[in-house]
Amino acid sequence: MYGGSIDQANAALRAYVQEHGDRPWTAEELAELARLRARWTAAARGTRVGIRPVSGPVMGAAVVTAA
């Protein structure tokens, strides 16, 4: 269930929300939404993101420090 392609997980999550439309969520629907979000999160954690250098100064909120 967990892991896999972030693109597939994202597409499934978006499709589910679009299908739902603009109406209140039932408990079952919220449970499925949580499952899809967990799948997306697991896929995102498994994705490596390359850090690319930037030219010029980096200031403010753009600065990220590693702990």
Protein backbone atom coordinates (compact mmCIF):
# COMPACT_ATOMS: atom_id res chain seq x y z
CA MET A 1 0.00 0.00 0.00
CA TYR A 2 2.69 2.52 0.96
CA GLY A 3 5.45 3.88 -1.23
CA GLY A 4 5.18 3.80 -4.98
CA SER A 5 5.09 6.62 -7.43
CA ILE A 6 4.36 10.08 -6.10
CA ASP A 7 2.73 10.94 -9.43
CA GLN A 8 0.33 8.00 -9.13
CA ALA A 9 -0.47 8.82 -5.51
CA ASN A 10 -1.03 12.48 -6.39
CA ALA A 11 -3.30 11.59 -9.31
CA ALA A 12 -5.37 9.24 -7.14
CA LEU A 13 -5.74 11.86 -4.40
CA ARG A 14 -6.72 14.61 -6.85
CA ALA A 15 -9.21 12.38 -8.67
CA TYR A 16 -10.86 11.36 -5.40
CA VAL A 17 -11.27 14.97 -4.25
CA GLN A 18 -12.57 16.10 -7.66
CA GLU A 19 -15.01 13.19 -7.77
CA HIS A 20 -16.29 14.11 -4.32
CA GLY A 21 -17.31 17.59 -5.38
CA ASP A 22 -18.60 20.32 -3.12
CA ARG A 23 -20.59 18.39 -0.54
CA PRO A 24 -20.00 17.36 3.07
CA TRP A 25 -17.64 14.43 3.66
CA THR A 26 -18.94 11.28 5.34
CA ALA A 27 -16.85 9.36 7.86
CA GLU A 28 -16.13 6.66 5.25
CA GLU A 29 -15.06 9.25 2.68
CA LEU A 30 -12.78 10.95 5.22
CA ALA A 31 -11.21 7.58 6.03
CA GLU A 32 -10.50 6.98 2.33
CA LEU A 33 -9.13 10.51 1.99
CA ALA A 34 -6.80 9.85 4.95
CA ARG A 35 -5.65 6.59 3.33
CA LEU A 36 -4.89 8.38 0.07
CA ARG A 37 -3.06 11.16 1.90
CA ALA A 38 -0.96 8.57 3.76
CA ARG A 39 -0.12 6.90 0.44
CA TRP A 40 0.93 10.26 -1.02
CA THR A 41 3.01 11.10 2.06
CA ALA A 42 4.78 7.74 1.91
CA ALA A 43 5.51 8.22 -1.79
CA ALA A 44 6.76 11.76 -1.18
CA ARG A 45 9.09 10.58 1.57
CA GLY A 46 10.53 8.00 -0.80
CA THR A 47 11.23 10.58 -3.50
CA ARG A 48 14.67 12.10 -3.64
CA VAL A 49 14.72 15.76 -4.45
CA GLY A 50 17.86 17.21 -5.92
CA ILE A 51 19.11 20.52 -4.60
CA ARG A 52 20.25 22.82 -7.33
CA PRO A 53 22.57 25.77 -6.79
CA VAL A 54 21.21 29.26 -7.19
CA SER A 55 22.97 32.27 -8.54
CA GLY A 56 22.99 35.36 -6.38
CA PRO A 57 22.02 35.87 -2.77
CA VAL A 58 19.28 33.87 -1.08
CA MET A 59 17.36 35.68 1.66
CA GLY A 60 14.31 35.41 3.86
CA ALA A 61 11.92 32.47 3.66
CA ALA A 62 13.91 30.94 0.81
CA VAL A 63 16.68 29.96 3.23
CA VAL A 64 16.35 26.41 4.56
CA THR A 65 18.77 25.05 7.12
CA ALA A 66 19.42 21.42 7.94
CA ALA A 67 19.25 20.34 11.55
